[in-house]
Each structure stands twice: as C-alpha cells, then as structure tokens.
Amino acid sequence: MKTSPLEFINQVRAETRKVVWPTRRETVMTGVMVMIMTAILAIFFFVIDTGFEALVKMLLSLAN
C-alpha cells in the first residue's frame, strides 16, 4: 500500500516527536568520554606497535 507524500511527512513528524534528544550535558559528557577512550587506545596501540617494532628489529639483527 503506497502512502502519499503528505501522509509520509506527517508520519515522519509523528516519529520525530517520539525521539528523546540528549541534553547538552549528556552530549558533552559523551564527547569527553569519546576523546578519553580515543587517547587511551592511541597510547595502547603506540605501545604495542613500539613493542612489535623492537621485537622485529631484534629478530632481524639475529639473522644478520
């Protein structure tokens, strides 16, 4: 069953009214948490990458 464009717009508006939008504080807190997690993961992968680099260099030095 097809709906008319006007009926579709009315349905979209009705659904949009049901959305619970986050408060400014919730948005800021979520943003801060994302930045913290990004920094933690960056440090973690830097440490892991540095460790693997040292391991590969050590193994390559043994081959020479």
N, C-alpha and C. Protein backbone atom coordinates (compact mmCIF):
# COMPACT_ATOMS: atom_id res chain seq x y z
N MET A 1 0.85 -1.18 0.00
CA MET A 1 0.00 0.00 0.00
C MET A 1 0.89 1.24 0.00
N LYS A 2 0.69 2.09 -0.96
CA LYS A 2 1.50 3.31 -1.06
C LYS A 2 0.90 4.42 -0.19
N THR A 3 1.81 5.25 0.33
CA THR A 3 1.36 6.42 1.09
C THR A 3 1.67 7.66 0.28
N SER A 4 0.86 8.65 0.48
CA SER A 4 1.08 9.90 -0.25
C SER A 4 2.24 10.66 0.39
N PRO A 5 2.87 11.55 -0.35
CA PRO A 5 3.97 12.32 0.24
C PRO A 5 3.55 13.10 1.50
N LEU A 6 2.34 13.65 1.50
CA LEU A 6 1.86 14.41 2.66
C LEU A 6 1.70 13.48 3.87
N GLU A 7 1.15 12.30 3.64
CA GLU A 7 0.98 11.33 4.72
C GLU A 7 2.35 10.88 5.26
N PHE A 8 3.30 10.67 4.35
CA PHE A 8 4.65 10.28 4.75
C PHE A 8 5.28 11.35 5.64
N ILE A 9 5.15 12.61 5.25
CA ILE A 9 5.72 13.71 6.04
C ILE A 9 5.07 13.75 7.41
N ASN A 10 3.77 13.55 7.48
CA ASN A 10 3.08 13.54 8.78
C ASN A 10 3.57 12.38 9.64
N GLN A 11 3.82 11.23 9.04
CA GLN A 11 4.33 10.09 9.80
C GLN A 11 5.75 10.37 10.31
N VAL A 12 6.56 11.00 9.49
CA VAL A 12 7.92 11.35 9.91
C VAL A 12 7.88 12.32 11.08
N ARG A 13 7.02 13.31 11.00
CA ARG A 13 6.89 14.28 12.11
C ARG A 13 6.44 13.58 13.38
N ALA A 14 5.49 12.66 13.27
CA ALA A 14 4.99 11.94 14.45
C ALA A 14 6.11 11.12 15.08
N GLU A 15 6.92 10.45 14.26
CA GLU A 15 8.02 9.66 14.79
C GLU A 15 9.10 10.54 15.40
N THR A 16 9.36 11.69 14.79
CA THR A 16 10.38 12.61 15.30
C THR A 16 9.99 13.15 16.68
N ARG A 17 8.70 13.33 16.91
CA ARG A 17 8.25 13.80 18.22
C ARG A 17 8.52 12.77 19.32
N LYS A 18 8.62 11.50 18.95
CA LYS A 18 8.86 10.44 19.93
C LYS A 18 10.33 10.34 20.34
N VAL A 19 11.20 10.96 19.59
CA VAL A 19 12.65 10.88 19.87
C VAL A 19 12.96 11.62 21.16
N VAL A 20 13.76 10.97 22.02
CA VAL A 20 14.23 11.62 23.25
C VAL A 20 15.62 12.14 22.96
N TRP A 21 15.74 13.45 22.80
CA TRP A 21 17.01 14.07 22.46
C TRP A 21 17.87 14.21 23.69
N PRO A 22 19.17 13.99 23.58
CA PRO A 22 20.05 14.12 24.76
C PRO A 22 20.17 15.59 25.18
N THR A 23 20.41 15.76 26.47
CA THR A 23 20.62 17.12 26.97
C THR A 23 22.02 17.58 26.57
N ARG A 24 22.27 18.87 26.75
CA ARG A 24 23.59 19.41 26.43
C ARG A 24 24.66 18.73 27.28
N ARG A 25 24.36 18.51 28.56
CA ARG A 25 25.32 17.87 29.47
C ARG A 25 25.64 16.45 29.01
N GLU A 26 24.61 15.69 28.62
CA GLU A 26 24.83 14.33 28.15
C GLU A 26 25.69 14.32 26.88
N THR A 27 25.44 15.27 26.00
CA THR A 27 26.22 15.35 24.76
C THR A 27 27.68 15.67 25.06
N VAL A 28 27.92 16.62 25.96
CA VAL A 28 29.29 16.99 26.31
C VAL A 28 29.99 15.83 26.99
N MET A 29 29.29 15.15 27.92
CA MET A 29 29.91 14.02 28.63
C MET A 29 30.25 12.88 27.66
N THR A 30 29.37 12.62 26.71
CA THR A 30 29.65 11.59 25.73
C THR A 30 30.85 11.98 24.87
N GLY A 31 30.92 13.22 24.46
CA GLY A 31 32.07 13.70 23.69
C GLY A 31 33.37 13.57 24.45
N VAL A 32 33.35 13.91 25.73
CA VAL A 32 34.55 13.81 26.57
C VAL A 32 34.96 12.34 26.69
N MET A 33 33.99 11.45 26.90
CA MET A 33 34.31 10.03 27.01
C MET A 33 34.91 9.48 25.71
N VAL A 34 34.40 9.94 24.58
CA VAL A 34 34.96 9.51 23.30
C VAL A 34 36.40 9.97 23.16
N MET A 35 36.67 11.20 23.54
CA MET A 35 38.04 11.72 23.46
C MET A 35 38.98 10.95 24.39
N ILE A 36 38.52 10.64 25.61
CA ILE A 36 39.35 9.89 26.56
C ILE A 36 39.64 8.49 26.02
N MET A 37 38.61 7.81 25.53
CA MET A 37 38.81 6.46 25.01
C MET A 37 39.73 6.48 23.78
N THR A 38 39.59 7.49 22.94
CA THR A 38 40.46 7.61 21.77
C THR A 38 41.91 7.78 22.19
N ALA A 39 42.16 8.61 23.20
CA ALA A 39 43.52 8.82 23.69
C ALA A 39 44.09 7.54 24.30
N ILE A 40 43.27 6.83 25.07
CA ILE A 40 43.73 5.58 25.69
C ILE A 40 44.08 4.56 24.62
N LEU A 41 43.23 4.43 23.61
CA LEU A 41 43.50 3.47 22.53
C LEU A 41 44.73 3.88 21.72
N ALA A 42 44.92 5.17 21.50
CA ALA A 42 46.10 5.63 20.76
C ALA A 42 47.38 5.27 21.52
N ILE A 43 47.37 5.49 22.83
CA ILE A 43 48.54 5.15 23.64
C ILE A 43 48.76 3.64 23.64
N PHE A 44 47.68 2.87 23.79
CA PHE A 44 47.78 1.41 23.78
C PHE A 44 48.40 0.91 22.48
N PHE A 45 47.88 1.36 21.34
CA PHE A 45 48.40 0.89 20.07
C PHE A 45 49.81 1.40 19.80
N PHE A 46 50.16 2.57 20.31
CA PHE A 46 51.53 3.06 20.19
C PHE A 46 52.49 2.13 20.94
N VAL A 47 52.11 1.75 22.15
CA VAL A 47 52.95 0.86 22.96
C VAL A 47 53.09 -0.51 22.28
N ILE A 48 51.97 -1.05 21.82
CA ILE A 48 52.01 -2.36 21.15
C ILE A 48 52.87 -2.28 19.89
N ASP A 49 52.69 -1.24 19.10
CA ASP A 49 53.45 -1.08 17.85
C ASP A 49 54.94 -0.93 18.15
N THR A 50 55.28 -0.16 19.15
CA THR A 50 56.68 0.03 19.53
C THR A 50 57.29 -1.30 19.99
N GLY A 51 56.51 -2.07 20.75
CA GLY A 51 57.00 -3.38 21.19
C GLY A 51 57.25 -4.32 20.03
N PHE A 52 56.31 -4.37 19.08
CA PHE A 52 56.50 -5.24 17.92
C PHE A 52 57.67 -4.76 17.06
N GLU A 53 57.84 -3.44 16.96
CA GLU A 53 58.97 -2.91 16.20
C GLU A 53 60.29 -3.36 16.82
N ALA A 54 60.38 -3.28 18.14
CA ALA A 54 61.61 -3.71 18.83
C ALA A 54 61.83 -5.21 18.64
N LEU A 55 60.76 -5.98 18.70
CA LEU A 55 60.87 -7.43 18.52
C LEU A 55 61.35 -7.77 17.11
N VAL A 56 60.79 -7.12 16.11
CA VAL A 56 61.19 -7.39 14.73
C VAL A 56 62.64 -6.98 14.50
N LYS A 57 63.04 -5.82 15.04
CA LYS A 57 64.43 -5.38 14.90
C LYS A 57 65.38 -6.37 15.55
N MET A 58 64.99 -6.89 16.72
CA MET A 58 65.84 -7.85 17.41
C MET A 58 65.96 -9.14 16.59
N LEU A 59 64.85 -9.62 16.06
CA LEU A 59 64.88 -10.85 15.24
C LEU A 59 65.69 -10.62 13.96
N LEU A 60 65.57 -9.47 13.36
CA LEU A 60 66.34 -9.19 12.15
C LEU A 60 67.84 -9.08 12.44
N SER A 61 68.16 -8.54 13.61
CA SER A 61 69.58 -8.44 13.96
C SER A 61 70.20 -9.81 14.19
N LEU A 62 69.38 -10.74 14.66
CA LEU A 62 69.87 -12.12 14.87
C LEU A 62 70.13 -12.81 13.53
N ALA A 63 69.38 -12.43 12.49
CA ALA A 63 69.52 -13.06 11.18
C ALA A 63 70.76 -12.57 10.46
N ASN A 64 71.28 -11.42 10.82
CA ASN A 64 72.46 -10.88 10.13
C ASN A 64 73.69 -11.48 10.63
